[in-house]
C-alpha atoms as a PDB file:
ATOM      1  CA  MET A   1      -0.045  -0.008  -0.039  1.00  0.00           C
ATOM      2  CA  GLY A   2       1.550   3.289  -1.162  1.00  0.00           C
ATOM      3  CA  GLU A   3       1.969   6.423   1.050  1.00  0.00           C
ATOM      4  CA  VAL A   4      -0.669   8.343  -0.830  1.00  0.00           C
ATOM      5  CA  TYR A   5      -3.150   5.606  -0.501  1.00  0.00           C
ATOM      6  CA  GLN A   6      -2.415   5.107   3.074  1.00  0.00           C
ATOM      7  CA  LYS A   7      -3.010   8.908   3.809  1.00  0.00           C
ATOM      8  CA  LEU A   8      -6.318   8.502   1.911  1.00  0.00           C
ATOM      9  CA  MET A   9      -7.492   5.700   3.945  1.00  0.00           C
ATOM     10  CA  GLN A  10      -6.435   7.489   7.199  1.00  0.00           C
ATOM     11  CA  CYS A  11      -8.666  10.461   6.179  1.00  0.00           C
ATOM     12  CA  PHE A  12     -11.441   8.116   5.370  1.00  0.00           C
ATOM     13  CA  GLU A  13     -11.199   6.372   8.664  1.00  0.00           C
ATOM     14  CA  SER A  14     -11.010   9.685  10.504  1.00  0.00           C
ATOM     15  CA  VAL A  15     -14.339  10.996   8.806  1.00  0.00           C
ATOM     16  CA  ARG A  16     -16.026   7.599   9.394  1.00  0.00           C
ATOM     17  CA  ARG A  17     -15.450   7.994  13.169  1.00  0.00           C
ATOM     18  CA  GLN A  18     -17.145  11.269  13.176  1.00  0.00           C
ATOM     19  CA  THR A  19     -20.269  10.409  10.783  1.00  0.00           C
ATOM     20  CA  ALA A  20     -21.780   7.488   8.984  1.00  0.00           C
ATOM     21  CA  PHE A  21     -23.545   9.691   6.560  1.00  0.00           C
ATOM     22  CA  LYS A  22     -23.386   8.281   2.976  1.00  0.00           C
ATOM     23  CA  PRO A  23     -23.687  11.043   0.140  1.00  0.00           C
ATOM     24  CA  LYS A  24     -24.730  10.436  -3.354  1.00  0.00           C
ATOM     25  CA  THR A  25     -23.632  13.748  -4.759  1.00  0.00           C
ATOM     26  CA  ALA A  26     -20.511  15.623  -3.858  1.00  0.00           C
ATOM     27  CA  LEU A  27     -20.280  19.400  -4.328  1.00  0.00           C
ATOM     28  CA  VAL A  28     -17.289  21.564  -4.442  1.00  0.00           C
ATOM     29  CA  LEU A  29     -17.767  25.286  -3.676  1.00  0.00           C
ATOM     30  CA  GLY A  30     -15.297  27.676  -5.296  1.00  0.00           C
ATOM     31  CA  SER A  31     -14.184  31.227  -4.104  1.00  0.00           C
ATOM     32  CA  GLY A  32     -17.124  33.302  -2.878  1.00  0.00           C
ATOM     33  CA  LEU A  33     -19.539  30.389  -3.424  1.00  0.00           C
ATOM     34  CA  GLY A  34     -19.350  29.009  -0.044  1.00  0.00           C
ATOM     35  CA  ASP A  35     -22.668  30.582   1.115  1.00  0.00           C
ATOM     36  CA  TYR A  36     -24.543  27.788  -0.749  1.00  0.00           C
ATOM     37  CA  ALA A  37     -23.999  25.510   2.321  1.00  0.00           C
ATOM     38  CA  GLY A  38     -26.608  27.501   3.994  1.00  0.00           C
ATOM     39  CA  LYS A  39     -29.166  25.731   1.574  1.00  0.00           C
ATOM     40  CA  ILE A  40     -28.297  22.369   2.952  1.00  0.00           C
ATOM     41  CA  ARG A  41     -30.270  20.493   5.669  1.00  0.00           C
ATOM     42  CA  VAL A  42     -27.360  19.830   7.783  1.00  0.00           C
ATOM     43  CA  GLU A  43     -26.606  16.337   9.317  1.00  0.00           C
ATOM     44  CA  ALA A  44     -23.008  16.760  10.163  1.00  0.00           C
ATOM     45  CA  VAL A  45     -20.235  19.327   9.853  1.00  0.00           C
ATOM     46  CA  ILE A  46     -16.508  18.284   9.991  1.00  0.00           C
ATOM     47  CA  ASP A  47     -13.752  20.892   9.912  1.00  0.00           C
ATOM     48  CA  TYR A  48     -10.842  19.916   7.796  1.00  0.00           C
ATOM     49  CA  HIS A  49      -8.497  20.462  10.869  1.00  0.00           C
ATOM     50  CA  ASP A  50     -10.555  17.592  12.570  1.00  0.00           C
ATOM     51  CA  ILE A  51      -9.555  15.116   9.858  1.00  0.00           C
ATOM     52  CA  ASP A  52      -6.222  13.101  10.517  1.00  0.00           C
ATOM     53  CA  GLY A  53      -3.771  14.194   7.859  1.00  0.00           C
ATOM     54  CA  PHE A  54      -6.130  16.178   5.793  1.00  0.00           C
ATOM     55  CA  PRO A  55      -4.917  19.268   3.778  1.00  0.00           C
ATOM     56  CA  VAL A  56      -6.262  22.524   4.983  1.00  0.00           C
ATOM     57  CA  SER A  57      -7.167  25.405   2.850  1.00  0.00           C
ATOM     58  CA  THR A  58      -5.227  28.826   3.465  1.00  0.00           C
ATOM     59  CA  VAL A  59      -7.306  31.002   1.189  1.00  0.00           C
ATOM     60  CA  SER A  60      -9.504  33.834   2.400  1.00  0.00           C
ATOM     61  CA  GLY A  61     -13.207  32.869   1.643  1.00  0.00           C
ATOM     62  CA  HIS A  62     -12.737  29.234   1.919  1.00  0.00           C
ATOM     63  CA  ALA A  63     -14.166  28.077   5.281  1.00  0.00           C
ATOM     64  CA  GLY A  64     -12.648  24.624   5.221  1.00  0.00           C
ATOM     65  CA  LYS A  65     -15.280  22.270   6.240  1.00  0.00           C
ATOM     66  CA  PHE A  66     -17.205  19.329   4.858  1.00  0.00           C
ATOM     67  CA  ILE A  67     -21.006  19.820   5.099  1.00  0.00           C
ATOM     68  CA  PHE A  68     -22.874  16.540   5.154  1.00  0.00           C
ATOM     69  CA  GLY A  69     -26.806  16.760   4.616  1.00  0.00           C
ATOM     70  CA  TYR A  70     -29.546  17.079   2.117  1.00  0.00           C
ATOM     71  CA  VAL A  71     -30.458  19.316  -0.847  1.00  0.00           C
ATOM     72  CA  GLU A  72     -34.231  18.614  -0.955  1.00  0.00           C
ATOM     73  CA  HIS A  73     -34.175  14.965  -0.701  1.00  0.00           C
ATOM     74  CA  VAL A  74     -30.746  14.356  -2.171  1.00  0.00           C
ATOM     75  CA  PRO A  75     -27.896  13.350   0.249  1.00  0.00           C
ATOM     76  CA  VAL A  76     -24.846  15.587  -0.403  1.00  0.00           C
ATOM     77  CA  VAL A  77     -21.458  16.238   0.867  1.00  0.00           C
ATOM     78  CA  CYS A  78     -20.325  19.679   0.341  1.00  0.00           C
ATOM     79  CA  MET A  79     -16.660  20.972   0.296  1.00  0.00           C
ATOM     80  CA  GLN A  80     -16.898  24.486   1.789  1.00  0.00           C
ATOM     81  CA  GLY A  81     -13.494  25.633   0.371  1.00  0.00           C
ATOM     82  CA  ARG A  82     -10.996  23.569  -1.604  1.00  0.00           C
ATOM     83  CA  VAL A  83      -7.237  23.101  -1.544  1.00  0.00           C
ATOM     84  CA  HIS A  84      -5.206  24.670  -4.313  1.00  0.00           C
ATOM     85  CA  TYR A  85      -1.902  23.411  -5.714  1.00  0.00           C
ATOM     86  CA  TYR A  86      -0.543  27.037  -5.402  1.00  0.00           C
ATOM     87  CA  GLU A  87      -0.647  26.816  -1.500  1.00  0.00           C
ATOM     88  CA  GLY A  88       2.234  24.478  -1.780  1.00  0.00           C
ATOM     89  CA  TYR A  89       0.528  21.195  -1.332  1.00  0.00           C
ATOM     90  CA  PRO A  90       1.614  18.362  -3.571  1.00  0.00           C
ATOM     91  CA  MET A  91      -0.951  17.500  -6.109  1.00  0.00           C
ATOM     92  CA  SER A  92      -1.863  14.134  -4.353  1.00  0.00           C
ATOM     93  CA  ASP A  93      -3.048  16.362  -1.353  1.00  0.00           C
ATOM     94  CA  VAL A  94      -4.962  18.694  -3.664  1.00  0.00           C
ATOM     95  CA  VAL A  95      -7.080  15.864  -5.172  1.00  0.00           C
ATOM     96  CA  LEU A  96      -7.444  13.931  -1.833  1.00  0.00           C
ATOM     97  CA  PRO A  97     -10.725  15.545  -0.913  1.00  0.00           C
ATOM     98  CA  ILE A  98     -12.275  14.445  -4.131  1.00  0.00           C
ATOM     99  CA  ARG A  99     -11.161  10.917  -3.686  1.00  0.00           C
ATOM    100  CA  LEU A 100     -12.268  10.913  -0.122  1.00  0.00           C
ATOM    101  CA  MET A 101     -15.816  11.997  -1.030  1.00  0.00           C
ATOM    102  CA  LYS A 102     -15.857   9.201  -3.671  1.00  0.00           C
ATOM    103  CA  LEU A 103     -14.987   6.655  -0.958  1.00  0.00           C
ATOM    104  CA  LEU A 104     -17.732   7.976   1.188  1.00  0.00           C
ATOM    105  CA  GLY A 105     -20.115   7.129  -1.280  1.00  0.00           C
ATOM    106  CA  ALA A 106     -20.504   9.982  -3.759  1.00  0.00           C
ATOM    107  CA  GLU A 107     -20.953   8.855  -7.484  1.00  0.00           C
ATOM    108  CA  THR A 108     -21.680  12.430  -8.898  1.00  0.00           C
ATOM    109  CA  LEU A 109     -19.370  15.320  -8.441  1.00  0.00           C
ATOM    110  CA  PHE A 110     -20.503  18.929  -9.023  1.00  0.00           C
ATOM    111  CA  LEU A 111     -17.375  21.235  -9.465  1.00  0.00           C
ATOM    112  CA  THR A 112     -17.718  24.979  -9.191  1.00  0.00           C
ATOM    113  CA  ASN A 113     -15.095  27.693  -9.383  1.00  0.00           C
ATOM    114  CA  ALA A 114     -14.620  31.382  -9.933  1.00  0.00           C
ATOM    115  CA  ALA A 115     -12.749  31.926 -13.257  1.00  0.00           C
ATOM    116  CA  GLY A 116     -11.502  34.593 -15.608  1.00  0.00           C
ATOM    117  CA  GLY A 117     -13.575  34.874 -18.849  1.00  0.00           C
ATOM    118  CA  VAL A 118     -11.491  34.468 -22.039  1.00  0.00           C
ATOM    119  CA  GLN A 119     -14.531  34.126 -24.345  1.00  0.00           C
ATOM    120  CA  GLN A 120     -15.453  37.405 -25.997  1.00  0.00           C
ATOM    121  CA  GLY A 121     -18.533  38.955 -24.439  1.00  0.00           C
ATOM    122  CA  MET A 122     -18.189  37.386 -20.921  1.00  0.00           C
ATOM    123  CA  LYS A 123     -18.736  39.783 -18.035  1.00  0.00           C
ATOM    124  CA  ALA A 124     -18.515  39.402 -14.263  1.00  0.00           C
ATOM    125  CA  GLY A 125     -21.350  37.272 -12.965  1.00  0.00           C
ATOM    126  CA  ASP A 126     -22.035  35.233 -16.044  1.00  0.00           C
ATOM    127  CA  PHE A 127     -21.967  31.355 -15.606  1.00  0.00           C
ATOM    128  CA  MET A 128     -20.141  29.018 -18.012  1.00  0.00           C
ATOM    129  CA  LEU A 129     -21.068  25.243 -18.147  1.00  0.00           C
ATOM    130  CA  ILE A 130     -17.730  23.500 -18.434  1.00  0.00           C
ATOM    131  CA  THR A 131     -17.862  21.112 -21.521  1.00  0.00           C
ATOM    132  CA  GLY A 132     -14.120  20.349 -21.752  1.00  0.00           C
ATOM    133  CA  GLN A 133     -10.974  21.185 -20.031  1.00  0.00           C
ATOM    134  CA  ILE A 134      -7.124  21.635 -20.521  1.00  0.00           C
ATOM    135  CA  ALA A 135      -5.179  20.368 -17.647  1.00  0.00           C
ATOM    136  CA  SER A 136      -1.803  20.352 -19.254  1.00  0.00           C
ATOM    137  CA  PHE A 137      -0.302  23.298 -17.241  1.00  0.00           C
ATOM    138  CA  VAL A 138      -0.583  21.532 -13.793  1.00  0.00           C
ATOM    139  CA  PRO A 139       0.963  18.324 -12.800  1.00  0.00           C
ATOM    140  CA  SER A 140      -1.184  15.190 -13.317  1.00  0.00           C
ATOM    141  CA  PRO A 141      -2.764  13.793 -10.013  1.00  0.00           C
ATOM    142  CA  LEU A 142      -2.219  10.321 -11.677  1.00  0.00           C
ATOM    143  CA  ARG A 143       1.522  10.689 -11.873  1.00  0.00           C
ATOM    144  CA  GLY A 144       3.503   8.089  -9.971  1.00  0.00           C
ATOM    145  CA  GLU A 145       2.587   4.572  -8.933  1.00  0.00           C
ATOM    146  CA  ASN A 146      -1.059   3.755  -9.977  1.00  0.00           C
ATOM    147  CA  MET A 147      -3.536   2.930  -7.083  1.00  0.00           C
ATOM    148  CA  GLU A 148      -5.373   0.140  -8.514  1.00  0.00           C
ATOM    149  CA  GLU A 149      -7.835   0.464  -5.664  1.00  0.00           C
ATOM    150  CA  LEU A 150      -9.043   3.759  -7.215  1.00  0.00           C
ATOM    151  CA  GLY A 151      -8.802   3.044 -11.129  1.00  0.00           C
ATOM    152  CA  VAL A 152      -6.907   1.992 -14.076  1.00  0.00           C
ATOM    153  CA  ARG A 153      -3.383   3.036 -15.017  1.00  0.00           C
ATOM    154  CA  PHE A 154      -4.506   4.887 -18.327  1.00  0.00           C
ATOM    155  CA  PRO A 155      -8.000   6.164 -17.732  1.00  0.00           C
ATOM    156  CA  ASP A 156      -9.990   7.414 -20.700  1.00  0.00           C
ATOM    157  CA  MET A 157     -10.525  11.288 -20.664  1.00  0.00           C
ATOM    158  CA  SER A 158     -12.733  11.734 -23.874  1.00  0.00           C
ATOM    159  CA  GLU A 159     -15.812  12.599 -21.710  1.00  0.00           C
ATOM    160  CA  ILE A 160     -14.812  14.181 -18.570  1.00  0.00           C
ATOM    161  CA  TYR A 161     -17.999  16.157 -18.042  1.00  0.00           C
ATOM    162  CA  ASN A 162     -21.072  13.904 -18.476  1.00  0.00           C
ATOM    163  CA  ARG A 163     -22.996  14.569 -21.585  1.00  0.00           C
ATOM    164  CA  ASP A 164     -26.458  13.809 -19.877  1.00  0.00           C
ATOM    165  CA  TYR A 165     -25.701  16.221 -17.053  1.00  0.00           C
ATOM    166  CA  ILE A 166     -24.713  18.908 -19.500  1.00  0.00           C
ATOM    167  CA  ARG A 167     -28.119  18.528 -21.112  1.00  0.00           C
ATOM    168  CA  ILE A 168     -29.812  18.718 -17.624  1.00  0.00           C
ATOM    169  CA  ALA A 169     -27.841  21.892 -16.856  1.00  0.00           C
ATOM    170  CA  LYS A 170     -28.971  23.605 -20.011  1.00  0.00           C
ATOM    171  CA  LYS A 171     -32.460  22.499 -19.351  1.00  0.00           C
ATOM    172  CA  CYS A 172     -32.481  23.858 -15.734  1.00  0.00           C
ATOM    173  CA  ALA A 173     -30.946  27.149 -16.795  1.00  0.00           C
ATOM    174  CA  ALA A 174     -33.523  27.634 -19.492  1.00  0.00           C
ATOM    175  CA  GLU A 175     -36.321  26.971 -16.864  1.00  0.00           C
ATOM    176  CA  LEU A 176     -34.800  29.537 -14.487  1.00  0.00           C
ATOM    177  CA  ASP A 177     -34.193  32.016 -17.449  1.00  0.00           C
ATOM    178  CA  ILE A 178     -30.398  31.978 -16.742  1.00  0.00           C
ATOM    179  CA  ASP A 179     -27.994  32.723 -19.497  1.00  0.00           C
ATOM    180  CA  LEU A 180     -25.645  29.912 -19.143  1.00  0.00           C
ATOM    181  CA  LYS A 181     -22.653  29.997 -21.513  1.00  0.00           C
ATOM    182  CA  GLN A 182     -20.546  26.969 -22.279  1.00  0.00           C
ATOM    183  CA  GLY A 183     -16.930  26.180 -22.904  1.00  0.00           C
ATOM    184  CA  THR A 184     -13.534  24.859 -22.191  1.00  0.00           C
ATOM    185  CA  TYR A 185     -11.898  25.487 -18.917  1.00  0.00           C
ATOM    186  CA  LEU A 186      -8.028  25.826 -18.541  1.00  0.00           C
ATOM    187  CA  GLN A 187      -6.303  25.494 -15.178  1.00  0.00           C
ATOM    188  CA  PHE A 188      -2.991  27.255 -14.598  1.00  0.00           C
ATOM    189  CA  THR A 189      -0.985  26.936 -11.390  1.00  0.00           C
ATOM    190  CA  GLY A 190      -1.499  30.326 -10.013  1.00  0.00           C
ATOM    191  CA  PRO A 191      -1.439  32.086  -7.497  1.00  0.00           C
ATOM    192  CA  ALA A 192      -0.447  35.157  -9.769  1.00  0.00           C
ATOM    193  CA  TYR A 193      -3.171  36.109 -12.132  1.00  0.00           C
ATOM    194  CA  GLU A 194      -2.330  35.272 -15.765  1.00  0.00           C
ATOM    195  CA  SER A 195      -0.594  37.850 -18.013  1.00  0.00           C
ATOM    196  CA  PRO A 196      -2.241  39.247 -21.047  1.00  0.00           C
ATOM    197  CA  GLN A 197       0.254  36.941 -23.213  1.00  0.00           C
ATOM    198  CA  GLU A 198      -0.826  33.930 -21.323  1.00  0.00           C
ATOM    199  CA  VAL A 199      -4.498  34.587 -21.742  1.00  0.00           C
ATOM    200  CA  ALA A 200      -3.906  35.074 -25.473  1.00  0.00           C
ATOM    201  CA  MET A 201      -2.064  31.843 -25.469  1.00  0.00           C
ATOM    202  CA  ALA A 202      -5.128  30.116 -23.597  1.00  0.00           C
ATOM    203  CA  ARG A 203      -7.417  31.673 -26.294  1.00  0.00           C
ATOM    204  CA  LEU A 204      -5.418  30.085 -29.063  1.00  0.00           C
ATOM    205  CA  LEU A 205      -5.555  26.672 -27.287  1.00  0.00           C
ATOM    206  CA  GLY A 206      -9.321  26.788 -27.277  1.00  0.00           C
ATOM    207  CA  ALA A 207     -10.021  27.996 -23.613  1.00  0.00           C
ATOM    208  CA  ASP A 208     -13.051  30.043 -22.869  1.00  0.00           C
ATOM    209  CA  ALA A 209     -12.308  30.550 -19.039  1.00  0.00           C
ATOM    210  CA  VAL A 210      -9.159  30.168 -16.950  1.00  0.00           C
ATOM    211  CA  GLY A 211      -8.580  29.540 -13.204  1.00  0.00           C
ATOM    212  CA  MET A 212      -6.419  27.885 -10.681  1.00  0.00           C
ATOM    213  CA  SER A 213      -8.498  24.727  -9.751  1.00  0.00           C
ATOM    214  CA  THR A 214     -11.009  22.236 -10.952  1.00  0.00           C
ATOM    215  CA  ALA A 215      -9.247  20.373 -13.841  1.00  0.00           C
ATOM    216  CA  CYS A 216      -6.927  18.446 -11.751  1.00  0.00           C
ATOM    217  CA  GLU A 217      -9.821  17.522  -9.440  1.00  0.00           C
ATOM    218  CA  ALA A 218     -11.692  16.238 -12.420  1.00  0.00           C
ATOM    219  CA  VAL A 219      -9.084  14.038 -13.657  1.00  0.00           C
ATOM    220  CA  ALA A 220      -8.689  12.203 -10.223  1.00  0.00           C
ATOM    221  CA  ALA A 221     -12.490  12.060 -10.134  1.00  0.00           C
ATOM    222  CA  LYS A 222     -12.733  10.479 -13.749  1.00  0.00           C
ATOM    223  CA  HIS A 223      -9.912   8.003 -12.674  1.00  0.00           C
ATOM    224  CA  MET A 224     -12.373   6.833  -9.888  1.00  0.00           C
ATOM    225  CA  GLY A 225     -15.324   6.527 -12.214  1.00  0.00           C
ATOM    226  CA  MET A 226     -17.375   9.495 -11.043  1.00  0.00           C
ATOM    227  CA  LYS A 227     -19.800  11.326 -13.164  1.00  0.00           C
ATOM    228  CA  MET A 228     -19.194  15.125 -13.330  1.00  0.00           C
ATOM    229  CA  ILE A 229     -20.727  18.551 -14.117  1.00  0.00           C
ATOM    230  CA  GLY A 230     -18.841  21.773 -13.683  1.00  0.00           C
ATOM    231  CA  ILE A 231     -19.798  25.376 -13.669  1.00  0.00           C
ATOM    232  CA  SER A 232     -17.506  28.555 -13.597  1.00  0.00           C
ATOM    233  CA  CYS A 233     -18.856  31.814 -12.133  1.00  0.00           C
ATOM    234  CA  ILE A 234     -17.023  34.450 -14.391  1.00  0.00           C
ATOM    235  CA  SER A 235     -15.754  36.766 -11.742  1.00  0.00           C
ATOM    236  CA  ASN A 236     -14.051  39.010 -14.378  1.00  0.00           C
ATOM    237  CA  PRO A 237     -12.792  39.249 -17.810  1.00  0.00           C
ATOM    238  CA  ALA A 238      -9.285  37.759 -17.999  1.00  0.00           C
ATOM    239  CA  CYS A 239      -6.267  40.073 -18.199  1.00  0.00           C
ATOM    240  CA  GLY A 240      -5.955  41.438 -21.644  1.00  0.00           C
ATOM    241  CA  ILE A 241      -9.668  41.101 -22.289  1.00  0.00           C
ATOM    242  CA  SER A 242     -10.224  43.937 -19.769  1.00  0.00           C
ATOM    243  CA  ALA A 243      -7.827  46.730 -19.075  1.00  0.00           C
ATOM    244  CA  ASP A 244      -8.548  46.779 -15.409  1.00  0.00           C
ATOM    245  CA  PRO A 245      -6.266  45.149 -12.752  1.00  0.00           C
ATOM    246  CA  LEU A 246      -7.183  41.877 -11.069  1.00  0.00           C
ATOM    247  CA  SER A 247      -7.795  41.297  -7.384  1.00  0.00           C
ATOM    248  CA  HIS A 248      -9.003  38.626  -5.209  1.00  0.00           C
ATOM    249  CA  GLU A 249     -11.609  40.825  -3.663  1.00  0.00           C
ATOM    250  CA  GLU A 250     -13.017  41.462  -6.989  1.00  0.00           C
ATOM    251  CA  VAL A 251     -13.258  37.717  -7.556  1.00  0.00           C
ATOM    252  CA  LYS A 252     -15.322  37.321  -4.222  1.00  0.00           C
ATOM    253  CA  LYS A 253     -17.496  40.384  -4.916  1.00  0.00           C
ATOM    254  CA  ALA A 254     -18.502  39.030  -8.232  1.00  0.00           C
ATOM    255  CA  ALA A 255     -19.294  35.668  -7.001  1.00  0.00           C
ATOM    256  CA  ASP A 256     -21.200  37.066  -4.045  1.00  0.00           C
ATOM    257  CA  ALA A 257     -23.343  39.097  -6.528  1.00  0.00           C
ATOM    258  CA  ALA A 258     -24.155  35.991  -8.604  1.00  0.00           C
ATOM    259  CA  ALA A 259     -24.734  33.871  -5.551  1.00  0.00           C
ATOM    260  CA  PRO A 260     -28.761  33.797  -5.600  1.00  0.00           C
ATOM    261  CA  LYS A 261     -28.943  32.722  -9.289  1.00  0.00           C
ATOM    262  CA  PHE A 262     -26.178  30.201  -8.622  1.00  0.00           C
ATOM    263  CA  GLN A 263     -27.827  28.754  -5.647  1.00  0.00           C
ATOM    264  CA  ALA A 264     -31.136  28.377  -7.619  1.00  0.00           C
ATOM    265  CA  LEU A 265     -29.219  26.777 -10.548  1.00  0.00           C
ATOM    266  CA  VAL A 266     -27.229  24.243  -8.555  1.00  0.00           C
ATOM    267  CA  THR A 267     -30.267  23.133  -6.442  1.00  0.00           C
ATOM    268  CA  ALA A 268     -32.338  22.531  -9.476  1.00  0.00           C
ATOM    269  CA  MET A 269     -29.471  20.605 -11.248  1.00  0.00           C
ATOM    270  CA  ILE A 270     -28.828  18.531  -8.223  1.00  0.00           C
ATOM    271  CA  LYS A 271     -32.493  17.420  -8.072  1.00  0.00           C
ATOM    272  CA  GLU A 272     -32.676  16.825 -11.839  1.00  0.00           C
ATOM    273  CA  ILE A 273     -29.477  14.613 -11.955  1.00  0.00           C
ATOM    274  CA  ASP A 274     -30.491  12.572  -9.009  1.00  0.00           C
ATOM    275  CA  ALA A 275     -34.038  11.900 -10.587  1.00  0.00           C
ATOM    276  CA  SER A 276     -32.238  10.913 -13.847  1.00  0.00           C
ATOM    277  CA  CYS A 277     -30.103   8.540 -12.053  1.00  0.00           C
ATOM    278  CA  ARG A 278     -32.977   6.547 -10.403  1.00  0.00           C
END
């Protein structure tokens, strides 16, 4: 048993000592979107500090807690704050929470983030449905000895974001009268925001939004056989698209302003996806 797998099982056993709750859906809340946890009928809350060996987020706006409970009738586990590669953690620690939620029972993963808009016409407060991703600028979470207990050595990545879930997302957005854009998400390492030249490069590569999370998590989840949906809250036009300087406060402010629509969309999608899996 490798060191990474041992650490994962240590975290799993630590959580199981604190709750027996079994989620069906896992939800990762990005910068400024943590308030969605208030929509959950809570059964248990576990602080990341209380999980043996668990990596702890150091970013402002990330509460650092697992919330276990129900969205309507759907049992969920919600990450109120994520760990980023730029915080100095090894990639195996960055994706450990995703792997842990799968071991706890989650089959569906709902990824959210705050991102810079590269697609022309995007503005702060827009939502982008992630239909594809580029993870080539961060280390692969699958590098090193393969953990056969989790998945195969060479997992297929031709459909990372589930097509049926994408269809459901579009349907829910239309019913709620939410303008839901779609496109490809590209993850850079951070923590510096992208230069105008890097944004131009991302655009040439086919990216529609850029950020510092999510893609590596999606790779780890796909390796374990999870079905995924992803939404970016566009916090700002990326550098070079807008002439204004970027700041973390701006990201949080835009996400906060978009929160009511985001919450309605996420709730509708969780219910519809759960119904489709029955």
